[in-house]
Amino acid sequence: MKNRIHIFGASGSGASTLGQELSSRLPHINFDGDDYYWREKFSEPREPVERLQLLTSDLSQHRQWIVSGAVCGWGDALKSDFELVIFLYVPSDIRLQRLKDREIFRYGEKVLLGGSLYEQSRAFLDWSALYDNGGLDIRSKELHENWISSLTCPILRIEGDTSISERVSLALEHINS
């Protein structure tokens, strides 16, 4: 069994959902990268050194863990710890619709035109739309592919609009091998 797992992809690819679902079926604890990245969720980021210190401290208390959400760059010191990396890729149109739906679910009318969070939501969705064609200077597929190429552990790629049950089955097969 793989004990130290990292799951990531673009925003809206389902990394957090897969991490939560796997941790409900395995003895692994799931750590969501957003909880370390943000001092105040989605508005005030922590410094990279602080993020890594907090995450490393939490991971050191457990033998079996999952880190969900990209840690490229600030979490590079963890690369050698991973026993399996799961990369999720969902086509842009599907992923962006998921994000729009999630924004409305979380914040309601505040993210609609005229709402108090409209500009913030619009900026997030615009940033998320850059993933497929962005370069190494932003969170992009190119950045993620470059990061993956530097890993030495097995990589499981799950691509397409797969259901959570399909992703869980594929992941469990690799975790238990």
N, C-alpha and C. Protein backbone atom coordinates (compact mmCIF):
# COMPACT_ATOMS: atom_id res chain seq x y z
N MET A 1 0.85 -1.19 0.00
CA MET A 1 0.00 0.00 0.00
C MET A 1 0.88 1.24 0.00
N LYS A 2 0.47 2.21 -0.80
CA LYS A 2 1.16 3.50 -0.83
C LYS A 2 0.68 4.30 0.37
N ASN A 3 1.62 4.82 1.14
CA ASN A 3 1.29 5.54 2.37
C ASN A 3 1.27 7.06 2.22
N ARG A 4 2.05 7.59 1.27
CA ARG A 4 2.19 9.04 1.12
C ARG A 4 1.81 9.43 -0.31
N ILE A 5 0.65 10.04 -0.44
CA ILE A 5 0.03 10.27 -1.74
C ILE A 5 -0.22 11.75 -1.95
N HIS A 6 0.00 12.19 -3.17
CA HIS A 6 -0.30 13.58 -3.55
C HIS A 6 -1.26 13.55 -4.73
N ILE A 7 -2.35 14.31 -4.63
CA ILE A 7 -3.36 14.40 -5.69
C ILE A 7 -3.46 15.85 -6.10
N PHE A 8 -3.35 16.12 -7.40
CA PHE A 8 -3.47 17.51 -7.84
C PHE A 8 -3.93 17.60 -9.28
N GLY A 9 -4.26 18.81 -9.67
CA GLY A 9 -4.70 19.16 -11.01
C GLY A 9 -5.14 20.60 -10.97
N ALA A 10 -5.76 21.04 -12.04
CA ALA A 10 -6.27 22.41 -12.09
C ALA A 10 -7.39 22.60 -11.09
N SER A 11 -7.67 23.84 -10.74
CA SER A 11 -8.84 24.14 -9.92
C SER A 11 -10.07 23.57 -10.62
N GLY A 12 -10.87 22.83 -9.87
CA GLY A 12 -12.07 22.24 -10.44
C GLY A 12 -11.87 20.86 -11.02
N SER A 13 -10.66 20.30 -10.88
CA SER A 13 -10.41 18.96 -11.43
C SER A 13 -10.88 17.85 -10.50
N GLY A 14 -11.12 18.18 -9.24
CA GLY A 14 -11.63 17.19 -8.29
C GLY A 14 -10.60 16.63 -7.33
N ALA A 15 -9.45 17.28 -7.19
CA ALA A 15 -8.40 16.77 -6.31
C ALA A 15 -8.85 16.73 -4.85
N SER A 16 -9.46 17.79 -4.37
CA SER A 16 -9.92 17.82 -2.97
C SER A 16 -10.99 16.77 -2.73
N THR A 17 -11.91 16.65 -3.68
CA THR A 17 -12.98 15.66 -3.55
C THR A 17 -12.42 14.25 -3.53
N LEU A 18 -11.48 13.95 -4.40
CA LEU A 18 -10.88 12.62 -4.43
C LEU A 18 -10.10 12.36 -3.14
N GLY A 19 -9.37 13.34 -2.66
CA GLY A 19 -8.64 13.18 -1.40
C GLY A 19 -9.56 12.88 -0.24
N GLN A 20 -10.66 13.61 -0.16
CA GLN A 20 -11.63 13.38 0.92
C GLN A 20 -12.25 12.00 0.82
N GLU A 21 -12.62 11.61 -0.38
CA GLU A 21 -13.26 10.31 -0.59
C GLU A 21 -12.29 9.16 -0.26
N LEU A 22 -11.05 9.28 -0.70
CA LEU A 22 -10.06 8.23 -0.40
C LEU A 22 -9.80 8.14 1.10
N SER A 23 -9.72 9.29 1.76
CA SER A 23 -9.44 9.25 3.20
C SER A 23 -10.60 8.66 3.99
N SER A 24 -11.80 8.65 3.41
CA SER A 24 -12.94 8.02 4.09
C SER A 24 -12.91 6.50 3.92
N ARG A 25 -12.10 6.02 2.98
CA ARG A 25 -12.03 4.57 2.70
C ARG A 25 -10.70 3.94 3.12
N LEU A 26 -9.73 4.77 3.41
CA LEU A 26 -8.39 4.30 3.74
C LEU A 26 -8.00 4.79 5.13
N PRO A 27 -6.92 4.25 5.68
CA PRO A 27 -6.45 4.75 6.98
C PRO A 27 -5.67 6.07 6.86
N HIS A 28 -5.66 6.66 5.68
CA HIS A 28 -4.94 7.89 5.41
C HIS A 28 -5.74 9.12 5.86
N ILE A 29 -5.01 10.12 6.34
CA ILE A 29 -5.64 11.41 6.64
C ILE A 29 -5.40 12.32 5.45
N ASN A 30 -6.40 13.10 5.08
CA ASN A 30 -6.29 14.00 3.94
C ASN A 30 -5.97 15.42 4.42
N PHE A 31 -4.95 15.99 3.82
CA PHE A 31 -4.59 17.38 4.07
C PHE A 31 -4.83 18.17 2.79
N ASP A 32 -5.69 19.17 2.85
CA ASP A 32 -6.02 19.99 1.69
C ASP A 32 -5.02 21.13 1.58
N GLY A 33 -4.32 21.19 0.46
CA GLY A 33 -3.30 22.22 0.25
C GLY A 33 -3.80 23.64 0.44
N ASP A 34 -5.08 23.88 0.14
CA ASP A 34 -5.64 25.22 0.33
C ASP A 34 -5.59 25.66 1.79
N ASP A 35 -5.70 24.70 2.70
CA ASP A 35 -5.65 25.04 4.12
C ASP A 35 -4.27 25.54 4.54
N TYR A 36 -3.26 25.22 3.77
CA TYR A 36 -1.90 25.64 4.06
C TYR A 36 -1.52 26.87 3.23
N TYR A 37 -2.03 26.92 2.02
CA TYR A 37 -1.72 28.03 1.12
C TYR A 37 -2.29 29.34 1.65
N TRP A 38 -3.52 29.29 2.16
CA TRP A 38 -4.22 30.51 2.55
C TRP A 38 -4.21 30.75 4.06
N ARG A 39 -3.84 31.94 4.45
CA ARG A 39 -3.99 32.37 5.84
C ARG A 39 -5.48 32.64 6.09
N GLU A 40 -6.07 33.38 5.16
CA GLU A 40 -7.51 33.60 5.16
C GLU A 40 -7.99 33.10 3.80
N LYS A 41 -8.86 32.10 3.82
CA LYS A 41 -9.24 31.36 2.63
C LYS A 41 -9.57 32.27 1.45
N PHE A 42 -8.83 32.07 0.39
CA PHE A 42 -9.02 32.71 -0.91
C PHE A 42 -8.80 34.22 -0.94
N SER A 43 -8.25 34.78 0.15
CA SER A 43 -8.01 36.22 0.10
C SER A 43 -6.61 36.62 0.58
N GLU A 44 -6.04 35.88 1.52
CA GLU A 44 -4.72 36.24 2.04
C GLU A 44 -3.82 35.02 2.08
N PRO A 45 -2.89 34.91 1.10
CA PRO A 45 -2.00 33.75 1.09
C PRO A 45 -0.91 33.85 2.16
N ARG A 46 -0.46 32.68 2.61
CA ARG A 46 0.69 32.62 3.51
C ARG A 46 1.97 32.70 2.67
N GLU A 47 3.05 33.02 3.33
CA GLU A 47 4.36 32.96 2.69
C GLU A 47 4.70 31.49 2.42
N PRO A 48 5.39 31.20 1.32
CA PRO A 48 5.70 29.80 0.98
C PRO A 48 6.41 29.02 2.09
N VAL A 49 7.34 29.64 2.77
CA VAL A 49 8.07 28.95 3.85
C VAL A 49 7.12 28.54 4.97
N GLU A 50 6.20 29.43 5.31
CA GLU A 50 5.24 29.14 6.37
C GLU A 50 4.31 28.00 5.96
N ARG A 51 3.85 28.02 4.71
CA ARG A 51 2.98 26.94 4.19
C ARG A 51 3.66 25.59 4.37
N LEU A 52 4.90 25.53 3.89
CA LEU A 52 5.64 24.27 3.93
C LEU A 52 5.89 23.83 5.37
N GLN A 53 6.24 24.74 6.25
CA GLN A 53 6.47 24.38 7.66
C GLN A 53 5.21 23.81 8.29
N LEU A 54 4.07 24.44 8.06
CA LEU A 54 2.80 23.96 8.63
C LEU A 54 2.44 22.58 8.09
N LEU A 55 2.54 22.42 6.78
CA LEU A 55 2.19 21.14 6.18
C LEU A 55 3.15 20.04 6.62
N THR A 56 4.42 20.32 6.60
CA THR A 56 5.43 19.33 7.01
C THR A 56 5.21 18.90 8.45
N SER A 57 4.90 19.84 9.30
CA SER A 57 4.63 19.53 10.70
C SER A 57 3.44 18.58 10.83
N ASP A 58 2.37 18.86 10.11
CA ASP A 58 1.19 17.98 10.17
C ASP A 58 1.48 16.60 9.58
N LEU A 59 2.18 16.56 8.45
CA LEU A 59 2.48 15.27 7.82
C LEU A 59 3.36 14.40 8.72
N SER A 60 4.27 15.03 9.45
CA SER A 60 5.21 14.28 10.28
C SER A 60 4.52 13.52 11.42
N GLN A 61 3.27 13.88 11.70
CA GLN A 61 2.53 13.23 12.78
C GLN A 61 1.75 12.00 12.32
N HIS A 62 1.85 11.69 11.03
CA HIS A 62 1.07 10.57 10.47
C HIS A 62 1.93 9.74 9.53
N ARG A 63 1.68 8.43 9.54
CA ARG A 63 2.40 7.53 8.64
C ARG A 63 1.72 7.45 7.28
N GLN A 64 0.41 7.57 7.27
CA GLN A 64 -0.35 7.45 6.03
C GLN A 64 -1.13 8.74 5.80
N TRP A 65 -0.84 9.40 4.67
CA TRP A 65 -1.48 10.67 4.40
C TRP A 65 -1.68 10.90 2.90
N ILE A 66 -2.58 11.84 2.65
CA ILE A 66 -2.86 12.32 1.30
C ILE A 66 -2.77 13.83 1.35
N VAL A 67 -2.07 14.41 0.39
CA VAL A 67 -2.07 15.86 0.22
C VAL A 67 -2.84 16.12 -1.06
N SER A 68 -3.97 16.81 -0.94
CA SER A 68 -4.76 17.13 -2.13
C SER A 68 -4.61 18.61 -2.45
N GLY A 69 -4.46 18.89 -3.73
CA GLY A 69 -4.25 20.26 -4.17
C GLY A 69 -2.78 20.48 -4.50
N ALA A 70 -2.52 21.25 -5.53
CA ALA A 70 -1.16 21.45 -6.02
C ALA A 70 -0.27 22.14 -4.99
N VAL A 71 0.93 21.57 -4.83
CA VAL A 71 1.95 22.18 -3.98
C VAL A 71 3.20 22.51 -4.79
N CYS A 72 3.04 22.55 -6.11
CA CYS A 72 4.17 22.85 -7.01
C CYS A 72 4.85 24.14 -6.59
N GLY A 73 6.15 24.09 -6.50
CA GLY A 73 6.91 25.27 -6.07
C GLY A 73 7.08 25.28 -4.57
N TRP A 74 6.07 25.71 -3.85
CA TRP A 74 6.22 25.86 -2.40
C TRP A 74 6.36 24.52 -1.69
N GLY A 75 5.91 23.44 -2.26
CA GLY A 75 6.01 22.14 -1.63
C GLY A 75 7.03 21.21 -2.27
N ASP A 76 7.94 21.77 -3.04
CA ASP A 76 8.92 20.94 -3.75
C ASP A 76 9.76 20.08 -2.81
N ALA A 77 9.96 20.51 -1.58
CA ALA A 77 10.75 19.72 -0.63
C ALA A 77 10.08 18.39 -0.30
N LEU A 78 8.80 18.25 -0.63
CA LEU A 78 8.06 17.01 -0.35
C LEU A 78 8.17 15.99 -1.47
N LYS A 79 8.71 16.37 -2.62
CA LYS A 79 8.73 15.48 -3.79
C LYS A 79 9.24 14.08 -3.46
N SER A 80 10.32 13.99 -2.73
CA SER A 80 10.91 12.68 -2.44
C SER A 80 10.09 11.88 -1.44
N ASP A 81 9.14 12.52 -0.75
CA ASP A 81 8.29 11.82 0.21
C ASP A 81 7.14 11.08 -0.46
N PHE A 82 6.71 11.55 -1.63
CA PHE A 82 5.54 10.97 -2.28
C PHE A 82 5.82 9.56 -2.78
N GLU A 83 4.90 8.65 -2.48
CA GLU A 83 4.98 7.28 -2.99
C GLU A 83 4.09 7.09 -4.21
N LEU A 84 3.15 7.99 -4.39
CA LEU A 84 2.25 7.99 -5.55
C LEU A 84 1.75 9.41 -5.75
N VAL A 85 1.76 9.85 -6.99
CA VAL A 85 1.16 11.14 -7.35
C VAL A 85 0.04 10.86 -8.33
N ILE A 86 -1.11 11.44 -8.06
CA ILE A 86 -2.27 11.30 -8.93
C ILE A 86 -2.54 12.66 -9.56
N PHE A 87 -2.46 12.71 -10.88
CA PHE A 87 -2.70 13.94 -11.62
C PHE A 87 -4.06 13.84 -12.30
N LEU A 88 -4.93 14.81 -12.00
CA LEU A 88 -6.27 14.84 -12.58
C LEU A 88 -6.33 15.92 -13.66
N TYR A 89 -6.85 15.53 -14.81
CA TYR A 89 -7.05 16.51 -15.88
C TYR A 89 -8.47 16.38 -16.39
N VAL A 90 -9.20 17.48 -16.35
CA VAL A 90 -10.58 17.55 -16.83
C VAL A 90 -10.61 18.60 -17.93
N PRO A 91 -11.28 18.30 -19.05
CA PRO A 91 -11.37 19.30 -20.12
C PRO A 91 -11.86 20.65 -19.60
N SER A 92 -11.31 21.69 -20.17
CA SER A 92 -11.53 23.05 -19.68
C SER A 92 -13.00 23.43 -19.56
N ASP A 93 -13.80 23.13 -20.56
CA ASP A 93 -15.20 23.56 -20.52
C ASP A 93 -15.94 22.93 -19.35
N ILE A 94 -15.67 21.67 -19.08
CA ILE A 94 -16.32 20.96 -17.96
C ILE A 94 -15.81 21.51 -16.63
N ARG A 95 -14.52 21.68 -16.54
CA ARG A 95 -13.90 22.16 -15.31
C ARG A 95 -14.38 23.57 -14.96
N LEU A 96 -14.43 24.45 -15.96
CA LEU A 96 -14.86 25.82 -15.70
C LEU A 96 -16.34 25.89 -15.31
N GLN A 97 -17.15 25.02 -15.88
CA GLN A 97 -18.55 24.98 -15.46
C GLN A 97 -18.67 24.50 -14.02
N ARG A 98 -17.86 23.50 -13.65
CA ARG A 98 -17.83 23.05 -12.24
C ARG A 98 -17.49 24.20 -11.31
N LEU A 99 -16.50 24.99 -11.70
CA LEU A 99 -16.07 26.11 -10.86
C LEU A 99 -17.16 27.16 -10.74
N LYS A 100 -17.83 27.48 -11.84
CA LYS A 100 -18.93 28.45 -11.80
C LYS A 100 -20.03 27.94 -10.86
N ASP A 101 -20.37 26.66 -11.01
CA ASP A 101 -21.41 26.07 -10.15
C ASP A 101 -20.98 26.09 -8.69
N ARG A 102 -19.72 25.81 -8.44
CA ARG A 102 -19.21 25.81 -7.07
C ARG A 102 -19.23 27.21 -6.46
N GLU A 103 -18.88 28.20 -7.25
CA GLU A 103 -18.92 29.58 -6.77
C GLU A 103 -20.34 29.96 -6.34
N ILE A 104 -21.31 29.59 -7.15
CA ILE A 104 -22.70 29.92 -6.83
C ILE A 104 -23.16 29.12 -5.60
N PHE A 105 -22.76 27.86 -5.52
CA PHE A 105 -23.12 27.05 -4.36
C PHE A 105 -22.55 27.65 -3.08
N ARG A 106 -21.28 28.06 -3.11
CA ARG A 106 -20.62 28.59 -1.92
C ARG A 106 -21.12 29.97 -1.52
N TYR A 107 -21.30 30.84 -2.51
CA TYR A 107 -21.52 32.25 -2.21
C TYR A 107 -22.87 32.80 -2.68
N GLY A 108 -23.64 32.01 -3.41
CA GLY A 108 -24.96 32.44 -3.86
C GLY A 108 -24.91 33.65 -4.76
N GLU A 109 -25.88 34.53 -4.57
CA GLU A 109 -26.04 35.70 -5.45
C GLU A 109 -24.90 36.70 -5.33
N LYS A 110 -24.07 36.56 -4.31
CA LYS A 110 -22.94 37.48 -4.14
C LYS A 110 -21.97 37.44 -5.32
N VAL A 111 -21.92 36.30 -6.04
CA VAL A 111 -20.98 36.18 -7.17
C VAL A 111 -21.61 36.57 -8.50
N LEU A 112 -22.88 36.88 -8.49
CA LEU A 112 -23.56 37.29 -9.71
C LEU A 112 -23.34 38.78 -9.96
N LEU A 113 -23.55 39.22 -11.18
CA LEU A 113 -23.37 40.62 -11.54
C LEU A 113 -24.09 41.52 -10.54
N GLY A 114 -23.35 42.46 -9.99
CA GLY A 114 -23.89 43.36 -8.99
C GLY A 114 -23.68 42.89 -7.56
N GLY A 115 -23.24 41.65 -7.39
CA GLY A 115 -23.02 41.10 -6.06
C GLY A 115 -21.69 41.54 -5.47
N SER A 116 -21.58 41.45 -4.16
CA SER A 116 -20.38 41.93 -3.46
C SER A 116 -19.12 41.12 -3.78
N LEU A 117 -19.28 39.90 -4.26
CA LEU A 117 -18.12 39.07 -4.60
C LEU A 117 -17.97 38.85 -6.11
N TYR A 118 -18.73 39.62 -6.88
CA TYR A 118 -18.71 39.43 -8.34
C TYR A 118 -17.30 39.59 -8.91
N GLU A 119 -16.62 40.67 -8.59
CA GLU A 119 -15.29 40.94 -9.15
C GLU A 119 -14.28 39.87 -8.73
N GLN A 120 -14.32 39.47 -7.46
CA GLN A 120 -13.41 38.44 -6.96
C GLN A 120 -13.67 37.11 -7.67
N SER A 121 -14.92 36.75 -7.82
CA SER A 121 -15.28 35.50 -8.50
C SER A 121 -14.88 35.54 -9.96
N ARG A 122 -15.14 36.66 -10.61
CA ARG A 122 -14.78 36.82 -12.03
C ARG A 122 -13.27 36.67 -12.20
N ALA A 123 -12.49 37.30 -11.33
CA ALA A 123 -11.02 37.21 -11.41
C ALA A 123 -10.56 35.76 -11.23
N PHE A 124 -11.16 35.04 -10.28
CA PHE A 124 -10.81 33.64 -10.05
C PHE A 124 -11.14 32.79 -11.28
N LEU A 125 -12.31 32.98 -11.84
CA LEU A 125 -12.70 32.19 -13.02
C LEU A 125 -11.84 32.53 -14.23
N ASP A 126 -11.50 33.79 -14.40
CA ASP A 126 -10.60 34.19 -15.49
C ASP A 126 -9.22 33.56 -15.31
N TRP A 127 -8.72 33.58 -14.09
CA TRP A 127 -7.42 32.96 -13.79
C TRP A 127 -7.48 31.45 -14.07
N SER A 128 -8.56 30.81 -13.65
CA SER A 128 -8.73 29.37 -13.85
C SER A 128 -8.78 29.01 -15.33
N ALA A 129 -9.31 29.89 -16.14
CA ALA A 129 -9.43 29.64 -17.58
C ALA A 129 -8.07 29.65 -18.27
N LEU A 130 -7.05 30.20 -17.64
CA LEU A 130 -5.71 30.25 -18.23
C LEU A 130 -4.97 28.92 -18.13
N TYR A 131 -5.46 27.98 -17.35
CA TYR A 131 -4.73 26.75 -17.03
C TYR A 131 -4.23 26.00 -18.27
N ASP A 132 -5.09 25.77 -19.23
CA ASP A 132 -4.71 24.92 -20.37
C ASP A 132 -3.67 25.55 -21.29
N ASN A 133 -3.62 26.86 -21.37
CA ASN A 133 -2.71 27.52 -22.31
C ASN A 133 -1.66 28.39 -21.64
N GLY A 134 -1.64 28.43 -20.32
CA GLY A 134 -0.68 29.27 -19.61
C GLY A 134 0.72 28.68 -19.63
N GLY A 135 1.69 29.51 -19.30
CA GLY A 135 3.08 29.10 -19.28
C GLY A 135 3.54 28.71 -17.88
N LEU A 136 4.85 28.64 -17.73
CA LEU A 136 5.44 28.21 -16.46
C LEU A 136 5.32 29.26 -15.36
N ASP A 137 4.91 30.47 -15.72
CA ASP A 137 4.83 31.56 -14.74
C ASP A 137 3.51 31.59 -13.97
N ILE A 138 2.56 30.71 -14.32
CA ILE A 138 1.28 30.63 -13.60
C ILE A 138 0.95 29.16 -13.36
N ARG A 139 -0.05 28.93 -12.52
CA ARG A 139 -0.53 27.56 -12.30
C ARG A 139 -1.19 27.10 -13.60
N SER A 140 -0.49 26.24 -14.33
CA SER A 140 -0.92 25.84 -15.66
C SER A 140 -0.62 24.36 -15.90
N LYS A 141 -1.20 23.84 -16.96
CA LYS A 141 -0.92 22.46 -17.34
C LYS A 141 0.57 22.30 -17.66
N GLU A 142 1.14 23.30 -18.33
CA GLU A 142 2.57 23.25 -18.64
C GLU A 142 3.40 23.19 -17.36
N LEU A 143 3.07 24.00 -16.37
CA LEU A 143 3.78 23.97 -15.09
C LEU A 143 3.62 22.61 -14.43
N HIS A 144 2.41 22.09 -14.41
CA HIS A 144 2.17 20.80 -13.77
C HIS A 144 2.91 19.68 -14.49
N GLU A 145 2.89 19.69 -15.82
CA GLU A 145 3.61 18.65 -16.59
C GLU A 145 5.11 18.74 -16.33
N ASN A 146 5.63 19.94 -16.25
CA ASN A 146 7.04 20.14 -15.95
C ASN A 146 7.38 19.60 -14.57
N TRP A 147 6.52 19.86 -13.60
CA TRP A 147 6.72 19.39 -12.23
C TRP A 147 6.66 17.87 -12.18
N ILE A 148 5.70 17.29 -12.87
CA ILE A 148 5.56 15.83 -12.91
C ILE A 148 6.83 15.19 -13.45
N SER A 149 7.43 15.80 -14.46
CA SER A 149 8.63 15.22 -15.08
C SER A 149 9.81 15.15 -14.11
N SER A 150 9.75 15.89 -13.02
CA SER A 150 10.84 15.88 -12.04
C SER A 150 10.62 14.88 -10.90
N LEU A 151 9.49 14.18 -10.91
CA LEU A 151 9.18 13.23 -9.85
C LEU A 151 9.79 11.86 -10.12
N THR A 152 10.08 11.14 -9.05
CA THR A 152 10.64 9.79 -9.21
C THR A 152 9.65 8.70 -8.81
N CYS A 153 8.53 9.06 -8.23
CA CYS A 153 7.53 8.09 -7.79
C CYS A 153 6.58 7.76 -8.96
N PRO A 154 5.78 6.70 -8.80
CA PRO A 154 4.78 6.40 -9.83
C PRO A 154 3.77 7.54 -9.96
N ILE A 155 3.30 7.74 -11.19
CA ILE A 155 2.31 8.77 -11.49
C ILE A 155 1.07 8.08 -12.06
N LEU A 156 -0.07 8.38 -11.51
CA LEU A 156 -1.34 7.93 -12.06
C LEU A 156 -2.01 9.14 -12.67
N ARG A 157 -2.28 9.07 -13.97
CA ARG A 157 -3.00 10.14 -14.66
C ARG A 157 -4.44 9.70 -14.84
N ILE A 158 -5.35 10.54 -14.39
CA ILE A 158 -6.77 10.29 -14.62
C ILE A 158 -7.27 11.48 -15.42
N GLU A 159 -7.59 11.23 -16.67
CA GLU A 159 -7.96 12.30 -17.58
C GLU A 159 -9.38 12.11 -18.10
N GLY A 160 -10.07 13.21 -18.27
CA GLY A 160 -11.42 13.19 -18.80
C GLY A 160 -12.44 13.47 -17.72
N ASP A 161 -13.70 13.42 -18.12
CA ASP A 161 -14.81 13.69 -17.21
C ASP A 161 -15.25 12.38 -16.57
N THR A 162 -14.44 11.90 -15.64
CA THR A 162 -14.74 10.64 -14.96
C THR A 162 -15.54 10.92 -13.69
N SER A 163 -16.32 9.93 -13.29
CA SER A 163 -17.10 10.08 -12.06
C SER A 163 -16.17 9.90 -10.86
N ILE A 164 -16.63 10.34 -9.70
CA ILE A 164 -15.85 10.16 -8.48
C ILE A 164 -15.63 8.68 -8.21
N SER A 165 -16.62 7.86 -8.47
CA SER A 165 -16.45 6.42 -8.21
C SER A 165 -15.40 5.82 -9.15
N GLU A 166 -15.35 6.29 -10.39
CA GLU A 166 -14.31 5.81 -11.31
C GLU A 166 -12.93 6.25 -10.83
N ARG A 167 -12.81 7.49 -10.40
CA ARG A 167 -11.52 7.99 -9.91
C ARG A 167 -11.08 7.24 -8.65
N VAL A 168 -12.01 6.99 -7.76
CA VAL A 168 -11.69 6.26 -6.53
C VAL A 168 -11.21 4.85 -6.88
N SER A 169 -11.89 4.17 -7.77
CA SER A 169 -11.50 2.81 -8.16
C SER A 169 -10.10 2.78 -8.75
N LEU A 170 -9.83 3.69 -9.68
CA LEU A 170 -8.49 3.76 -10.29
C LEU A 170 -7.43 4.06 -9.24
N ALA A 171 -7.72 5.01 -8.37
CA ALA A 171 -6.75 5.38 -7.34
C ALA A 171 -6.49 4.22 -6.38
N LEU A 172 -7.55 3.58 -5.91
CA LEU A 172 -7.38 2.45 -4.97
C LEU A 172 -6.55 1.33 -5.59
N GLU A 173 -6.77 1.08 -6.86
CA GLU A 173 -6.01 0.04 -7.56
C GLU A 173 -4.51 0.34 -7.48
N HIS A 174 -4.14 1.60 -7.69
CA HIS A 174 -2.72 1.99 -7.64
C HIS A 174 -2.19 2.11 -6.23
N ILE A 175 -3.02 2.56 -5.32
CA ILE A 175 -2.59 2.70 -3.92
C ILE A 175 -2.31 1.32 -3.31
N ASN A 176 -3.11 0.37 -3.67
CA ASN A 176 -2.99 -0.97 -3.08
C ASN A 176 -2.03 -1.88 -3.84
N SER A 177 -1.43 -1.40 -4.92
CA SER A 177 -0.51 -2.26 -5.69
C SER A 177 0.89 -2.21 -5.14
